[in-house]
Amino acid sequence: MATNKSRLVEMGVVPELAKELATMETATKIASIATVATADATDATTAAALANALKARLNALITALKA
């Protein structure tokens, strides 16, 4: 499957510009990911909730970087 960057190169956009545009797109996706609003852990139950919230945000960041 073609990436946005490869499509820009195919359309004749200068590769350096394509790289810059792809980076901007990724930065926009990352900027749209919310911060973790879960309260600090004070016991095992809240520690598990915080760990799950952190995992979800980390996976969202990884997905945005792969795009």
Protein backbone atom coordinates (compact mmCIF):
# COMPACT_ATOMS: atom_id res chain seq x y z
CA MET A 1 0.00 0.00 0.00
CA ALA A 2 1.36 3.39 -0.97
CA THR A 3 2.13 5.88 1.75
CA ASN A 4 1.31 9.57 1.52
CA LYS A 5 5.01 10.24 1.00
CA SER A 6 5.32 7.78 -1.88
CA ARG A 7 2.18 9.21 -3.50
CA LEU A 8 3.69 12.70 -3.31
CA VAL A 9 6.88 11.43 -4.96
CA GLU A 10 4.82 9.70 -7.67
CA MET A 11 2.97 12.97 -8.32
CA GLY A 12 6.31 14.66 -8.94
CA VAL A 13 6.67 16.48 -5.64
CA VAL A 14 10.34 16.96 -4.84
CA PRO A 15 11.37 14.11 -2.45
CA GLU A 16 12.69 16.54 0.16
CA LEU A 17 9.37 18.37 0.16
CA ALA A 18 7.54 15.05 0.32
CA LYS A 19 9.58 14.12 3.41
CA GLU A 20 8.80 17.46 5.03
CA LEU A 21 5.08 17.13 4.31
CA ALA A 22 5.01 13.57 5.65
CA THR A 23 6.75 14.74 8.82
CA MET A 24 4.23 17.55 9.23
CA GLU A 25 1.37 15.08 8.83
CA THR A 26 2.84 12.79 11.49
CA ALA A 27 3.41 15.75 13.82
CA THR A 28 -0.23 16.75 13.39
CA LYS A 29 -1.38 13.24 14.25
CA ILE A 30 0.85 13.17 17.33
CA ALA A 31 -0.33 16.62 18.43
CA SER A 32 -3.93 15.42 18.28
CA ILE A 33 -3.29 12.62 20.80
CA ALA A 34 -4.60 13.62 24.20
CA THR A 35 -2.45 13.59 27.29
CA VAL A 36 -3.11 11.01 29.99
CA ALA A 37 -5.77 12.40 32.32
CA THR A 38 -5.86 9.41 34.66
CA ALA A 39 -5.13 10.33 38.26
CA ASP A 40 -1.82 9.35 39.83
CA ALA A 41 -1.84 5.84 41.26
CA THR A 42 -2.43 5.49 44.98
CA ASP A 43 -3.20 1.77 45.15
CA ALA A 44 -3.19 -1.35 42.96
CA THR A 45 -6.49 -0.52 41.28
CA THR A 46 -5.51 3.00 40.27
CA ALA A 47 -2.05 1.75 39.26
CA ALA A 48 -3.69 -0.67 36.83
CA ALA A 49 -5.94 2.09 35.46
CA LEU A 50 -2.95 4.39 34.97
CA ALA A 51 -0.91 1.64 33.27
CA ASN A 52 -3.79 0.94 30.88
CA ALA A 53 -4.19 4.63 30.05
CA LEU A 54 -0.45 4.99 29.42
CA LYS A 55 -0.46 1.90 27.20
CA ALA A 56 -3.32 3.31 25.13
CA ARG A 57 -1.51 6.64 24.59
CA LEU A 58 1.77 4.91 23.78
CA ASN A 59 0.06 2.72 21.18
CA ALA A 60 -1.59 5.81 19.67
CA LEU A 61 1.81 7.52 19.38
CA ILE A 62 3.41 4.47 17.80
CA THR A 63 0.57 4.22 15.29
CA ALA A 64 0.95 7.93 14.40
CA LEU A 65 4.69 7.52 13.90
CA LYS A 66 4.21 4.54 11.59
CA ALA A 67 1.83 6.47 9.34
